N, C-alpha and C. Protein backbone atom coordinates (compact mmCIF):
# COMPACT_ATOMS: atom_id res chain seq x y z
N MET A 1 81.88 96.82 97.97
CA MET A 1 83.15 97.20 98.55
C MET A 1 82.93 97.54 100.02
N GLU A 2 83.88 97.12 100.82
CA GLU A 2 83.86 97.43 102.24
C GLU A 2 85.12 98.22 102.57
N VAL A 3 84.98 99.25 103.40
CA VAL A 3 86.10 100.09 103.81
C VAL A 3 86.19 100.03 105.34
N ILE A 4 87.34 99.59 105.82
CA ILE A 4 87.57 99.48 107.26
C ILE A 4 88.67 100.47 107.63
N LYS A 5 88.34 101.41 108.53
CA LYS A 5 89.29 102.45 108.91
C LYS A 5 89.75 102.27 110.35
N GLU A 6 91.05 102.46 110.56
CA GLU A 6 91.63 102.43 111.90
C GLU A 6 92.53 103.65 112.05
N LYS A 7 92.15 104.54 112.96
CA LYS A 7 92.94 105.75 113.17
C LYS A 7 93.71 105.63 114.48
N ASN A 8 94.98 106.02 114.44
CA ASN A 8 95.83 106.01 115.62
C ASN A 8 96.65 107.30 115.59
N GLY A 9 96.17 108.32 116.27
CA GLY A 9 96.86 109.61 116.27
C GLY A 9 96.87 110.21 114.87
N SER A 10 98.07 110.43 114.33
CA SER A 10 98.19 111.04 113.00
C SER A 10 98.35 109.98 111.91
N GLU A 11 98.03 108.72 112.24
CA GLU A 11 98.11 107.64 111.27
C GLU A 11 96.72 107.07 111.01
N LEU A 12 96.45 106.77 109.75
CA LEU A 12 95.17 106.18 109.36
C LEU A 12 95.45 104.98 108.47
N LYS A 13 94.89 103.83 108.88
CA LYS A 13 95.00 102.62 108.06
C LYS A 13 93.61 102.34 107.50
N VAL A 14 93.57 102.12 106.18
CA VAL A 14 92.31 101.86 105.50
C VAL A 14 92.44 100.54 104.75
N SER A 15 91.59 99.58 105.12
CA SER A 15 91.54 98.30 104.42
C SER A 15 90.38 98.34 103.44
N VAL A 16 90.66 97.99 102.19
CA VAL A 16 89.63 98.00 101.16
C VAL A 16 89.37 96.55 100.75
N VAL A 17 88.10 96.15 100.84
CA VAL A 17 87.71 94.77 100.54
C VAL A 17 86.75 94.79 99.35
N GLY A 18 87.04 93.99 98.34
CA GLY A 18 86.15 93.89 97.17
C GLY A 18 86.74 94.53 95.94
N ARG A 19 85.92 95.33 95.26
CA ARG A 19 86.31 95.94 93.98
C ARG A 19 86.34 97.46 94.12
N LEU A 20 87.37 98.06 93.53
CA LEU A 20 87.48 99.51 93.48
C LEU A 20 87.33 99.91 92.02
N ASP A 21 86.10 100.20 91.64
CA ASP A 21 85.79 100.47 90.24
C ASP A 21 84.97 101.75 90.11
N THR A 22 84.36 101.94 88.97
CA THR A 22 83.60 103.16 88.70
C THR A 22 82.50 103.38 89.73
N MET A 23 81.84 102.31 90.13
CA MET A 23 80.72 102.42 91.07
C MET A 23 81.18 102.66 92.50
N THR A 24 82.32 102.11 92.89
CA THR A 24 82.73 102.17 94.29
C THR A 24 83.81 103.20 94.58
N SER A 25 84.49 103.69 93.57
CA SER A 25 85.59 104.63 93.81
C SER A 25 85.10 105.91 94.47
N ARG A 26 83.93 106.38 94.08
CA ARG A 26 83.37 107.59 94.70
C ARG A 26 83.03 107.35 96.17
N VAL A 27 82.61 106.12 96.47
CA VAL A 27 82.29 105.76 97.86
C VAL A 27 83.55 105.86 98.71
N LEU A 28 84.65 105.29 98.22
CA LEU A 28 85.91 105.36 98.96
C LEU A 28 86.35 106.80 99.16
N GLU A 29 86.30 107.57 98.10
CA GLU A 29 86.72 108.97 98.19
C GLU A 29 85.86 109.73 99.20
N GLU A 30 84.56 109.48 99.20
CA GLU A 30 83.65 110.15 100.12
C GLU A 30 83.94 109.73 101.56
N LYS A 31 84.21 108.44 101.77
CA LYS A 31 84.47 107.94 103.12
C LYS A 31 85.78 108.49 103.70
N LEU A 32 86.72 108.86 102.83
CA LEU A 32 88.01 109.36 103.30
C LEU A 32 88.13 110.88 103.21
N LYS A 33 87.12 111.51 102.67
CA LYS A 33 87.16 112.95 102.40
C LYS A 33 87.64 113.76 103.60
N ASN A 34 87.05 113.57 104.75
CA ASN A 34 87.40 114.36 105.93
C ASN A 34 88.37 113.64 106.86
N ASP A 35 88.54 112.34 106.66
CA ASP A 35 89.38 111.55 107.56
C ASP A 35 90.87 111.78 107.36
N THR A 36 91.29 112.36 106.26
CA THR A 36 92.71 112.53 106.02
C THR A 36 93.25 113.86 106.57
N GLU A 37 92.37 114.71 107.07
CA GLU A 37 92.83 115.98 107.66
C GLU A 37 93.68 115.68 108.90
N GLY A 38 94.88 116.22 108.95
CA GLY A 38 95.78 116.03 110.08
C GLY A 38 96.51 114.70 110.07
N ILE A 39 96.29 113.89 109.06
CA ILE A 39 96.94 112.59 108.96
C ILE A 39 98.31 112.75 108.31
N LYS A 40 99.33 112.17 108.92
CA LYS A 40 100.69 112.23 108.37
C LYS A 40 101.09 110.94 107.67
N LEU A 41 100.42 109.83 108.01
CA LEU A 41 100.69 108.56 107.34
C LEU A 41 99.37 107.87 107.04
N LEU A 42 99.09 107.73 105.75
CA LEU A 42 97.91 107.02 105.28
C LEU A 42 98.38 105.70 104.69
N THR A 43 97.92 104.58 105.27
CA THR A 43 98.26 103.26 104.78
C THR A 43 97.01 102.61 104.21
N LEU A 44 97.09 102.23 102.95
CA LEU A 44 96.00 101.53 102.30
C LEU A 44 96.36 100.05 102.24
N ASP A 45 95.51 99.22 102.83
CA ASP A 45 95.73 97.78 102.82
C ASP A 45 94.86 97.17 101.73
N PHE A 46 95.52 96.63 100.72
CA PHE A 46 94.81 96.05 99.57
C PHE A 46 94.86 94.51 99.58
N SER A 47 95.07 93.92 100.75
CA SER A 47 95.15 92.47 100.85
C SER A 47 93.90 91.78 100.32
N HIS A 48 92.77 92.45 100.45
CA HIS A 48 91.50 91.85 100.04
C HIS A 48 90.85 92.61 98.89
N LEU A 49 91.64 93.41 98.19
CA LEU A 49 91.14 94.11 97.00
C LEU A 49 91.20 93.16 95.82
N GLU A 50 90.07 92.95 95.17
CA GLU A 50 89.97 91.98 94.07
C GLU A 50 90.22 92.60 92.70
N TYR A 51 89.93 93.89 92.58
CA TYR A 51 89.97 94.52 91.25
C TYR A 51 90.10 96.02 91.45
N ILE A 52 90.83 96.67 90.54
CA ILE A 52 90.90 98.13 90.53
C ILE A 52 90.80 98.61 89.09
N SER A 53 89.96 99.61 88.87
CA SER A 53 89.78 100.17 87.53
C SER A 53 90.49 101.52 87.45
N SER A 54 90.41 102.15 86.29
CA SER A 54 91.01 103.47 86.12
C SER A 54 90.36 104.49 87.06
N ALA A 55 89.08 104.33 87.35
CA ALA A 55 88.41 105.24 88.30
C ALA A 55 89.02 105.08 89.69
N GLY A 56 89.33 103.86 90.07
CA GLY A 56 89.98 103.61 91.35
C GLY A 56 91.38 104.19 91.39
N LEU A 57 92.11 104.08 90.28
CA LEU A 57 93.45 104.65 90.19
C LEU A 57 93.42 106.17 90.32
N GLN A 58 92.40 106.79 89.76
CA GLN A 58 92.25 108.25 89.87
C GLN A 58 92.04 108.67 91.31
N VAL A 59 91.27 107.90 92.06
CA VAL A 59 91.06 108.20 93.47
C VAL A 59 92.38 108.10 94.22
N LEU A 60 93.16 107.08 93.92
CA LEU A 60 94.46 106.92 94.57
C LEU A 60 95.38 108.10 94.27
N LEU A 61 95.36 108.57 93.03
CA LEU A 61 96.18 109.74 92.68
C LEU A 61 95.75 110.98 93.46
N ARG A 62 94.43 111.17 93.58
CA ARG A 62 93.94 112.34 94.34
C ARG A 62 94.31 112.24 95.82
N LEU A 63 94.21 111.03 96.39
CA LEU A 63 94.61 110.83 97.78
C LEU A 63 96.12 111.09 97.96
N HIS A 64 96.91 110.59 97.02
CA HIS A 64 98.36 110.79 97.07
C HIS A 64 98.70 112.28 97.01
N ARG A 65 98.05 112.99 96.14
CA ARG A 65 98.27 114.43 96.00
C ARG A 65 97.86 115.17 97.28
N LYS A 66 96.71 114.78 97.83
CA LYS A 66 96.21 115.42 99.05
C LYS A 66 97.17 115.18 100.21
N MET A 67 97.68 113.96 100.33
CA MET A 67 98.63 113.66 101.40
C MET A 67 99.91 114.48 101.22
N GLY A 68 100.37 114.62 99.99
CA GLY A 68 101.55 115.45 99.72
C GLY A 68 101.32 116.90 100.10
N ASN A 69 100.14 117.41 99.78
CA ASN A 69 99.80 118.79 100.14
C ASN A 69 99.75 118.99 101.64
N ASN A 70 99.39 117.92 102.37
CA ASN A 70 99.32 117.97 103.83
C ASN A 70 100.67 117.61 104.48
N ARG A 71 101.70 117.47 103.65
CA ARG A 71 103.03 117.07 104.11
C ARG A 71 103.01 115.70 104.78
N GLY A 72 102.16 114.84 104.23
CA GLY A 72 102.05 113.48 104.74
C GLY A 72 102.51 112.47 103.70
N THR A 73 102.40 111.21 104.06
CA THR A 73 102.83 110.12 103.19
C THR A 73 101.68 109.12 103.03
N MET A 74 101.57 108.56 101.83
CA MET A 74 100.62 107.51 101.57
C MET A 74 101.40 106.28 101.15
N GLN A 75 101.06 105.14 101.75
CA GLN A 75 101.70 103.89 101.36
C GLN A 75 100.61 102.85 101.11
N ILE A 76 100.94 101.90 100.24
CA ILE A 76 100.01 100.84 99.89
C ILE A 76 100.64 99.52 100.28
N ARG A 77 99.89 98.70 101.02
CA ARG A 77 100.38 97.41 101.50
C ARG A 77 99.45 96.29 101.04
N GLY A 78 99.96 95.07 101.08
CA GLY A 78 99.16 93.90 100.79
C GLY A 78 98.66 93.80 99.37
N VAL A 79 99.45 94.27 98.43
CA VAL A 79 99.03 94.28 97.03
C VAL A 79 99.13 92.87 96.46
N THR A 80 98.03 92.38 95.91
CA THR A 80 98.02 91.06 95.29
C THR A 80 98.72 91.14 93.93
N SER A 81 99.05 90.00 93.37
CA SER A 81 99.76 89.98 92.09
C SER A 81 98.93 90.62 90.98
N MET A 82 97.62 90.44 91.01
CA MET A 82 96.77 91.02 89.97
C MET A 82 96.75 92.55 90.06
N ILE A 83 96.64 93.08 91.28
CA ILE A 83 96.64 94.53 91.46
C ILE A 83 98.03 95.08 91.15
N ARG A 84 99.05 94.36 91.54
CA ARG A 84 100.44 94.78 91.25
C ARG A 84 100.66 94.89 89.75
N GLU A 85 100.10 93.97 89.00
CA GLU A 85 100.23 94.00 87.55
C GLU A 85 99.61 95.28 86.97
N VAL A 86 98.46 95.68 87.50
CA VAL A 86 97.81 96.92 87.05
C VAL A 86 98.72 98.11 87.37
N PHE A 87 99.28 98.13 88.58
CA PHE A 87 100.19 99.21 88.96
C PHE A 87 101.43 99.24 88.08
N ASP A 88 101.96 98.06 87.75
CA ASP A 88 103.15 97.99 86.88
C ASP A 88 102.84 98.52 85.48
N ILE A 89 101.73 98.09 84.92
CA ILE A 89 101.36 98.49 83.56
C ILE A 89 101.12 99.99 83.46
N THR A 90 100.50 100.56 84.48
CA THR A 90 100.15 101.98 84.46
C THR A 90 101.27 102.89 84.93
N GLY A 91 102.34 102.28 85.47
CA GLY A 91 103.45 103.08 85.97
C GLY A 91 103.25 103.59 87.39
N PHE A 92 102.21 103.13 88.05
CA PHE A 92 101.92 103.60 89.41
C PHE A 92 102.92 103.09 90.42
N THR A 93 103.65 102.03 90.11
CA THR A 93 104.68 101.55 91.04
C THR A 93 105.79 102.58 91.20
N GLU A 94 105.91 103.48 90.24
CA GLU A 94 106.91 104.55 90.32
C GLU A 94 106.40 105.73 91.15
N ILE A 95 105.09 105.81 91.34
CA ILE A 95 104.48 106.93 92.05
C ILE A 95 104.25 106.61 93.52
N PHE A 96 103.73 105.41 93.79
CA PHE A 96 103.31 105.05 95.14
C PHE A 96 104.38 104.26 95.88
N HIS A 97 104.33 104.36 97.21
CA HIS A 97 105.17 103.54 98.09
C HIS A 97 104.43 102.23 98.31
N ILE A 98 104.89 101.17 97.60
CA ILE A 98 104.20 99.88 97.68
C ILE A 98 105.12 98.88 98.37
């Protein structure tokens, strides 16, 4: 998995490339741990995300909660049909701004 971050003031765009699974979800969480402080808009670009597991979904929930606690917003862009199907099945389309 590759994580590409672009910060612009109080906005952070994160592009995730590859797989977000049990092995890589902790890496993503660690890479964003301190980067979300002071961020009001977190955009996750999943254009090149190939797979997401329940461990990856848990990381997204924690990020969403953290952004809410910081009075910020998290949005997800570039969702492929396969990732969208996972979000639909799990009900995450009702939680996240996609």
